[in-house]
Amino acid sequence: MSEQNKISQIALEGGTYETRLTRKFSLRKPYEKHDPRIIKAVIPGAIERIDTAVGARVKKGEPLMILEAMKMHNRIASPLDGTVKAVRVAAGEKVSKGQILIEIE
């Protein structure tokens, strides 16, 4: 049976439905629950400056680093109070979208 004709069953709100799943659907990136303790790059760029270190206590809104992207200097701030568990990048390093920058505990 070709992939185009493959039928799958989906259970929703007490009912079962049959549907054809597209190739695009099968190749999609799985949903990942947002964890505010893991700070990721929202756009590709370069780390201009890091304003924190491992073990530092940070408050919500406190600047952690500057990410330069398309000649804009984006301030990455702490989303919560906590302690910096890990800094996964270094100043001058190029980062891609979704790359982990800092972990807070």
C-alpha atoms as a PDB file:
ATOM      1  CA  MET A   1       0.000   0.000   0.000  1.00  0.00           C
ATOM      2  CA  SER A   2       1.473   3.393  -0.915  1.00  0.00           C
ATOM      3  CA  GLU A   3       2.019   6.029   1.738  1.00  0.00           C
ATOM      4  CA  GLN A   4      -0.655   8.223   0.133  1.00  0.00           C
ATOM      5  CA  ASN A   5      -3.336   5.535   0.607  1.00  0.00           C
ATOM      6  CA  LYS A   6      -2.375   4.587   4.161  1.00  0.00           C
ATOM      7  CA  ILE A   7      -5.348   5.045   6.508  1.00  0.00           C
ATOM      8  CA  SER A   8      -4.876   5.847  10.195  1.00  0.00           C
ATOM      9  CA  GLN A   9      -7.378   5.999  13.031  1.00  0.00           C
ATOM     10  CA  ILE A  10      -7.607   8.974  15.357  1.00  0.00           C
ATOM     11  CA  ALA A  11      -9.644   9.009  18.587  1.00  0.00           C
ATOM     12  CA  LEU A  12     -11.117  12.416  19.478  1.00  0.00           C
ATOM     13  CA  GLU A  13     -13.747  13.282  22.091  1.00  0.00           C
ATOM     14  CA  GLY A  14     -15.240   9.814  22.333  1.00  0.00           C
ATOM     15  CA  GLY A  15     -15.282   9.132  18.561  1.00  0.00           C
ATOM     16  CA  THR A  16     -12.911   7.248  16.285  1.00  0.00           C
ATOM     17  CA  TYR A  17     -12.176   8.652  12.833  1.00  0.00           C
ATOM     18  CA  GLU A  18     -10.263   7.334   9.840  1.00  0.00           C
ATOM     19  CA  THR A  19      -8.031   9.674   7.878  1.00  0.00           C
ATOM     20  CA  ARG A  20      -5.127   9.732   5.452  1.00  0.00           C
ATOM     21  CA  LEU A  21      -1.948  11.198   6.928  1.00  0.00           C
ATOM     22  CA  THR A  22       0.131  13.291   4.537  1.00  0.00           C
ATOM     23  CA  ARG A  23       3.898  13.029   4.123  1.00  0.00           C
ATOM     24  CA  LYS A  24       4.195  16.559   5.536  1.00  0.00           C
ATOM     25  CA  PHE A  25       2.312  15.440   8.671  1.00  0.00           C
ATOM     26  CA  SER A  26       4.546  12.399   9.189  1.00  0.00           C
ATOM     27  CA  LEU A  27       7.732  14.529   8.831  1.00  0.00           C
ATOM     28  CA  ARG A  28       6.613  17.336  11.154  1.00  0.00           C
ATOM     29  CA  LYS A  29       8.637  18.281  14.218  1.00  0.00           C
ATOM     30  CA  PRO A  30       6.986  16.779  17.314  1.00  0.00           C
ATOM     31  CA  TYR A  31       5.480  19.153  19.861  1.00  0.00           C
ATOM     32  CA  GLU A  32       7.894  20.126  22.599  1.00  0.00           C
ATOM     33  CA  LYS A  33       6.513  21.543  25.828  1.00  0.00           C
ATOM     34  CA  HIS A  34       8.088  24.905  26.712  1.00  0.00           C
ATOM     35  CA  ASP A  35      10.369  24.764  29.752  1.00  0.00           C
ATOM     36  CA  PRO A  36      11.112  28.274  31.109  1.00  0.00           C
ATOM     37  CA  ARG A  37      14.274  26.958  32.816  1.00  0.00           C
ATOM     38  CA  ILE A  38      15.897  26.272  29.426  1.00  0.00           C
ATOM     39  CA  ILE A  39      16.586  29.433  27.432  1.00  0.00           C
ATOM     40  CA  LYS A  40      16.940  28.892  23.686  1.00  0.00           C
ATOM     41  CA  ALA A  41      17.870  31.205  20.822  1.00  0.00           C
ATOM     42  CA  VAL A  42      14.718  32.468  19.109  1.00  0.00           C
ATOM     43  CA  ILE A  43      16.682  33.595  16.030  1.00  0.00           C
ATOM     44  CA  PRO A  44      20.096  32.703  14.593  1.00  0.00           C
ATOM     45  CA  GLY A  45      22.913  35.109  15.412  1.00  0.00           C
ATOM     46  CA  ALA A  46      26.110  35.578  17.393  1.00  0.00           C
ATOM     47  CA  ILE A  47      26.606  35.907  21.141  1.00  0.00           C
ATOM     48  CA  GLU A  48      27.911  39.428  21.674  1.00  0.00           C
ATOM     49  CA  ARG A  49      28.249  39.419  25.455  1.00  0.00           C
ATOM     50  CA  ILE A  50      27.446  37.143  28.412  1.00  0.00           C
ATOM     51  CA  ASP A  51      26.431  38.935  31.618  1.00  0.00           C
ATOM     52  CA  THR A  52      26.141  35.923  33.938  1.00  0.00           C
ATOM     53  CA  ALA A  53      28.078  32.830  35.025  1.00  0.00           C
ATOM     54  CA  VAL A  54      27.377  29.335  36.330  1.00  0.00           C
ATOM     55  CA  GLY A  55      26.200  29.490  39.955  1.00  0.00           C
ATOM     56  CA  ALA A  56      25.011  33.119  39.750  1.00  0.00           C
ATOM     57  CA  ARG A  57      21.653  33.971  41.339  1.00  0.00           C
ATOM     58  CA  VAL A  58      19.377  35.744  38.862  1.00  0.00           C
ATOM     59  CA  LYS A  59      16.059  37.557  39.187  1.00  0.00           C
ATOM     60  CA  LYS A  60      13.219  37.544  36.664  1.00  0.00           C
ATOM     61  CA  GLY A  61      13.943  40.137  33.956  1.00  0.00           C
ATOM     62  CA  GLU A  62      17.657  40.389  34.747  1.00  0.00           C
ATOM     63  CA  PRO A  63      19.813  40.503  31.573  1.00  0.00           C
ATOM     64  CA  LEU A  64      21.768  37.299  30.910  1.00  0.00           C
ATOM     65  CA  MET A  65      23.363  37.975  27.526  1.00  0.00           C
ATOM     66  CA  ILE A  66      23.211  39.960  24.286  1.00  0.00           C
ATOM     67  CA  LEU A  67      22.441  38.081  21.049  1.00  0.00           C
ATOM     68  CA  GLU A  68      23.372  40.048  17.921  1.00  0.00           C
ATOM     69  CA  ALA A  69      21.224  39.169  14.911  1.00  0.00           C
ATOM     70  CA  MET A  70      20.818  41.215  11.718  1.00  0.00           C
ATOM     71  CA  LYS A  71      22.645  44.175  13.338  1.00  0.00           C
ATOM     72  CA  MET A  72      20.139  44.208  16.206  1.00  0.00           C
ATOM     73  CA  HIS A  73      21.333  43.674  19.776  1.00  0.00           C
ATOM     74  CA  ASN A  74      18.743  41.424  21.458  1.00  0.00           C
ATOM     75  CA  ARG A  75      18.842  41.355  25.250  1.00  0.00           C
ATOM     76  CA  ILE A  76      18.143  37.859  26.591  1.00  0.00           C
ATOM     77  CA  ALA A  77      16.602  38.199  30.057  1.00  0.00           C
ATOM     78  CA  SER A  78      15.897  35.642  32.753  1.00  0.00           C
ATOM     79  CA  PRO A  79      12.284  34.381  32.588  1.00  0.00           C
ATOM     80  CA  LEU A  80      12.292  33.489  36.308  1.00  0.00           C
ATOM     81  CA  ASP A  81      14.199  33.749  39.579  1.00  0.00           C
ATOM     82  CA  GLY A  82      16.824  31.047  40.086  1.00  0.00           C
ATOM     83  CA  THR A  83      20.441  29.966  39.825  1.00  0.00           C
ATOM     84  CA  VAL A  84      22.324  29.611  36.545  1.00  0.00           C
ATOM     85  CA  LYS A  85      22.939  25.881  36.131  1.00  0.00           C
ATOM     86  CA  ALA A  86      24.824  25.994  32.802  1.00  0.00           C
ATOM     87  CA  VAL A  87      25.948  28.470  30.146  1.00  0.00           C
ATOM     88  CA  ARG A  88      26.075  26.499  26.900  1.00  0.00           C
ATOM     89  CA  VAL A  89      27.639  29.197  24.669  1.00  0.00           C
ATOM     90  CA  ALA A  90      30.610  31.559  24.688  1.00  0.00           C
ATOM     91  CA  ALA A  91      30.972  35.195  23.641  1.00  0.00           C
ATOM     92  CA  GLY A  92      31.560  35.438  19.891  1.00  0.00           C
ATOM     93  CA  GLU A  93      29.978  32.058  19.171  1.00  0.00           C
ATOM     94  CA  LYS A  94      27.434  31.763  16.346  1.00  0.00           C
ATOM     95  CA  VAL A  95      24.156  30.117  17.355  1.00  0.00           C
ATOM     96  CA  SER A  96      21.258  28.664  15.402  1.00  0.00           C
ATOM     97  CA  LYS A  97      17.540  29.027  16.090  1.00  0.00           C
ATOM     98  CA  GLY A  98      16.462  26.729  18.928  1.00  0.00           C
ATOM     99  CA  GLN A  99      19.979  26.176  20.286  1.00  0.00           C
ATOM    100  CA  ILE A 100      20.168  26.025  24.095  1.00  0.00           C
ATOM    101  CA  LEU A 101      21.916  29.097  25.511  1.00  0.00           C
ATOM    102  CA  ILE A 102      21.455  28.945  29.293  1.00  0.00           C
ATOM    103  CA  GLU A 103      19.867  26.598  31.839  1.00  0.00           C
ATOM    104  CA  ILE A 104      18.408  27.896  35.105  1.00  0.00           C
ATOM    105  CA  GLU A 105      17.427  25.855  38.171  1.00  0.00           C
END
